[in-house]
């Protein structure tokens, strides 16, 4: 959410692997008509509730390259691993990747992260994942943090890449808010604030 301001300047590309390819097979591009921000964005801390919903101009059809994902419903992530994907930098001082990258990272106990980052940075909207040398990087913000339910084998989105210190270190991922699930079905701005 922290990078979006005006809907008319943004669009959604779905089904993309190589960002340089302007006409990739299976890719679709849709304009964003409205952006809804969380009413408690930056409250109580700078990165709290770092989530927004986009209303797009058109429909996304599911294909071989474009698939939906389930949203978490309080499934425990303790001791589990997740995957982060994105086109961000591949090293601290490196260039952004043109091809979609993924990395497997462990979920971390919140107490570990509180010791590292301090209590004035973290709240219940955040999940901590990653380890030194392996995590998301600048340019991956807004990307998914996905994991597999060990009970039924179904993939679900456990969070959204939000922030961290440096690159490839423990990072924070905003937990996908179940209220956002409700809003995403009808896009009524009674919970999220339109920009």
Protein backbone atom coordinates (compact mmCIF):
# COMPACT_ATOMS: atom_id res chain seq x y z
CA UNK A 1 0.00 0.00 0.00
CA UNK A 2 2.82 2.37 0.84
CA UNK A 3 3.66 3.00 -2.83
CA UNK A 4 0.22 3.76 -4.31
CA UNK A 5 -1.42 7.16 -4.37
CA UNK A 6 -3.50 7.86 -7.52
CA UNK A 7 -5.60 5.17 -9.26
CA UNK A 8 -5.34 6.60 -12.80
CA UNK A 9 -1.56 6.18 -12.85
CA UNK A 10 -1.59 2.43 -12.14
CA UNK A 11 -2.59 -0.78 -13.86
CA UNK A 12 -2.60 -4.49 -13.06
CA UNK A 13 -0.60 -6.98 -15.12
CA UNK A 14 -1.61 -10.59 -14.55
CA UNK A 15 0.02 -13.71 -15.94
CA UNK A 16 3.46 -12.06 -16.17
CA UNK A 17 6.78 -13.88 -15.86
CA UNK A 18 9.27 -11.67 -17.75
CA UNK A 19 8.48 -8.03 -16.98
CA UNK A 20 10.43 -6.80 -20.03
CA UNK A 21 8.22 -8.73 -22.43
CA UNK A 22 5.43 -6.29 -23.28
CA UNK A 23 3.31 -8.90 -25.04
CA UNK A 24 3.86 -12.09 -23.07
CA UNK A 25 1.51 -14.98 -23.99
CA UNK A 26 -1.26 -15.25 -21.38
CA UNK A 27 -0.65 -11.75 -19.97
CA UNK A 28 -3.52 -9.33 -19.40
CA UNK A 29 -3.38 -5.65 -18.44
CA UNK A 30 -6.25 -3.88 -16.68
CA UNK A 31 -6.52 -0.29 -15.48
CA UNK A 32 -7.10 0.45 -11.81
CA UNK A 33 -10.20 2.60 -11.32
CA UNK A 34 -10.19 2.95 -7.55
CA UNK A 35 -7.86 2.26 -4.62
CA UNK A 36 -9.19 1.48 -1.14
CA UNK A 37 -6.76 1.89 1.76
CA UNK A 38 -7.15 0.40 5.21
CA UNK A 39 -8.62 3.00 7.61
CA UNK A 40 -5.90 2.22 10.18
CA UNK A 41 -2.97 2.41 7.78
CA UNK A 42 0.06 3.64 9.80
CA UNK A 43 -1.87 3.22 13.07
CA UNK A 44 -0.58 2.35 15.65
CA UNK A 45 2.83 2.08 13.93
CA UNK A 46 4.33 3.36 10.68
CA UNK A 47 3.84 0.05 8.81
CA UNK A 48 0.61 -1.12 10.46
CA UNK A 49 -2.27 -2.20 8.21
CA UNK A 50 -0.14 -1.75 5.09
CA UNK A 51 -2.82 -3.10 2.74
CA UNK A 52 -5.03 -1.73 0.00
CA UNK A 53 -7.53 -3.14 -2.47
CA UNK A 54 -7.68 -2.17 -6.14
CA UNK A 55 -10.86 -2.01 -8.17
CA UNK A 56 -10.03 -2.89 -11.76
CA UNK A 57 -11.68 -1.97 -15.04
CA UNK A 58 -12.79 -5.39 -16.29
CA UNK A 59 -12.66 -9.01 -15.21
CA UNK A 60 -9.75 -11.36 -14.74
CA UNK A 61 -10.31 -14.70 -16.45
CA UNK A 62 -8.45 -17.63 -14.93
CA UNK A 63 -6.04 -19.37 -17.29
CA UNK A 64 -3.00 -21.62 -17.17
CA UNK A 65 -0.96 -18.54 -16.13
CA UNK A 66 -3.55 -16.77 -13.94
CA UNK A 67 -5.01 -18.62 -10.96
CA UNK A 68 -6.76 -17.59 -7.72
CA UNK A 69 -5.41 -18.40 -4.28
CA UNK A 70 -7.23 -19.05 -1.01
CA UNK A 71 -6.90 -16.51 1.78
CA UNK A 72 -5.89 -17.64 5.24
CA UNK A 73 -8.53 -18.36 7.83
CA UNK A 74 -6.48 -18.50 11.02
CA UNK A 75 -4.41 -21.49 9.91
CA UNK A 76 -1.36 -21.87 12.13
CA UNK A 77 1.94 -20.98 10.46
CA UNK A 78 4.15 -22.03 13.39
CA UNK A 79 7.12 -24.03 12.16
CA UNK A 80 6.03 -23.74 8.53
CA UNK A 81 7.72 -22.39 5.44
CA UNK A 82 6.35 -19.94 2.91
CA UNK A 83 7.25 -18.65 -0.53
CA UNK A 84 7.71 -15.02 -1.51
CA UNK A 85 7.61 -14.06 -5.18
CA UNK A 86 8.43 -10.78 -6.90
CA UNK A 87 10.52 -8.75 -9.31
CA UNK A 88 12.54 -6.97 -6.62
CA UNK A 89 16.29 -6.68 -6.24
CA UNK A 90 18.22 -9.94 -6.04
CA UNK A 91 20.85 -8.46 -3.70
CA UNK A 92 21.21 -5.44 -1.39
CA UNK A 93 22.86 -3.19 -3.99
CA UNK A 94 21.75 -5.15 -7.05
CA UNK A 95 19.35 -4.47 -9.87
CA UNK A 96 15.68 -5.42 -9.94
CA UNK A 97 14.90 -8.71 -11.62
CA UNK A 98 13.01 -8.71 -14.90
CA UNK A 99 11.94 -12.32 -14.40
CA UNK A 100 9.70 -13.42 -11.55
CA UNK A 101 11.75 -14.79 -8.65
CA UNK A 102 10.73 -16.94 -5.70
CA UNK A 103 12.36 -17.89 -2.43
CA UNK A 104 11.33 -20.27 0.35
CA UNK A 105 11.50 -18.72 3.82
CA UNK A 106 10.59 -19.89 7.34
CA UNK A 107 7.91 -18.25 9.45
CA UNK A 108 9.48 -16.93 12.64
CA UNK A 109 8.29 -16.70 16.20
CA UNK A 110 7.13 -13.14 16.81
CA UNK A 111 9.30 -12.97 19.95
CA UNK A 112 12.43 -13.38 17.78
CA UNK A 113 11.39 -10.44 15.66
CA UNK A 114 10.43 -8.29 18.62
CA UNK A 115 13.98 -8.70 19.93
CA UNK A 116 15.45 -7.73 16.59
CA UNK A 117 13.15 -4.85 15.63
CA UNK A 118 11.72 -3.63 18.93
CA UNK A 119 8.21 -3.51 20.31
CA UNK A 120 7.48 -0.07 18.81
CA UNK A 121 7.47 -1.48 15.26
CA UNK A 122 5.29 -4.58 15.36
CA UNK A 123 1.59 -5.23 15.93
CA UNK A 124 -0.96 -8.01 15.42
CA UNK A 125 -1.41 -7.19 11.71
CA UNK A 126 2.13 -8.41 10.99
CA UNK A 127 3.71 -11.82 10.50
CA UNK A 128 7.47 -12.31 10.58
CA UNK A 129 9.26 -14.58 8.10
CA UNK A 130 12.68 -14.98 6.52
CA UNK A 131 16.23 -15.49 7.71
CA UNK A 132 19.57 -13.85 7.12
CA UNK A 133 20.51 -14.26 3.47
CA UNK A 134 17.05 -15.39 2.36
CA UNK A 135 14.00 -13.12 2.09
CA UNK A 136 12.30 -10.51 -0.06
CA UNK A 137 14.09 -7.33 -1.12
CA UNK A 138 13.33 -3.78 -2.24
CA UNK A 139 10.82 -3.92 -5.08
CA UNK A 140 9.00 -7.00 -3.75
CA UNK A 141 6.60 -4.98 -1.57
CA UNK A 142 2.97 -5.83 -2.20
CA UNK A 143 3.84 -9.32 -3.40
CA UNK A 144 2.37 -12.48 -1.92
CA UNK A 145 3.59 -14.62 0.96
CA UNK A 146 2.07 -18.06 0.29
CA UNK A 147 2.16 -21.37 2.13
CA UNK A 148 0.58 -24.80 1.97
CA UNK A 149 -1.94 -26.10 4.49
CA UNK A 150 -0.44 -29.31 5.89
CA UNK A 151 -3.92 -30.75 6.57
CA UNK A 152 -5.47 -30.50 3.11
CA UNK A 153 -2.53 -29.58 0.85
CA UNK A 154 -4.22 -26.39 -0.34
CA UNK A 155 -2.15 -23.28 -1.03
CA UNK A 156 -3.18 -20.04 0.65
CA UNK A 157 -1.93 -16.50 0.92
CA UNK A 158 -0.73 -15.89 4.46
CA UNK A 159 0.48 -12.33 3.96
CA UNK A 160 1.73 -9.52 1.78
CA UNK A 161 5.36 -8.38 1.63
CA UNK A 162 5.54 -5.11 3.55
CA UNK A 163 8.85 -4.15 5.14
CA UNK A 164 12.15 -5.20 6.62
CA UNK A 165 15.67 -3.91 7.19
CA UNK A 166 17.97 -4.23 4.24
CA UNK A 167 17.69 -7.06 1.79
CA UNK A 168 17.48 -10.81 2.40
CA UNK A 169 17.02 -10.43 6.16
CA UNK A 170 14.06 -11.14 8.39
CA UNK A 171 11.10 -9.19 7.05
CA UNK A 172 7.56 -8.37 8.01
CA UNK A 173 4.57 -9.44 6.04
CA UNK A 174 1.13 -8.00 6.60
CA UNK A 175 -1.38 -10.71 7.46
CA UNK A 176 -4.21 -10.89 4.92
CA UNK A 177 -7.14 -9.36 6.80
CA UNK A 178 -10.36 -11.40 6.68
CA UNK A 179 -12.27 -8.12 6.57
CA UNK A 180 -10.46 -7.47 3.28
CA UNK A 181 -11.90 -10.74 1.98
CA UNK A 182 -15.42 -9.50 2.67
CA UNK A 183 -14.76 -6.14 1.07
CA UNK A 184 -13.11 -7.67 -1.99
CA UNK A 185 -16.36 -9.42 -2.87
CA UNK A 186 -18.37 -6.23 -3.29
CA UNK A 187 -15.78 -3.40 -3.04
CA UNK A 188 -18.05 -1.30 -0.86
CA UNK A 189 -15.96 1.48 0.68
CA UNK A 190 -17.57 1.13 4.11
CA UNK A 191 -14.42 -0.35 5.63
CA UNK A 192 -11.55 0.69 3.39
CA UNK A 193 -11.04 4.35 2.52
CA UNK A 194 -11.20 5.29 -1.19
CA UNK A 195 -8.34 7.45 -2.51
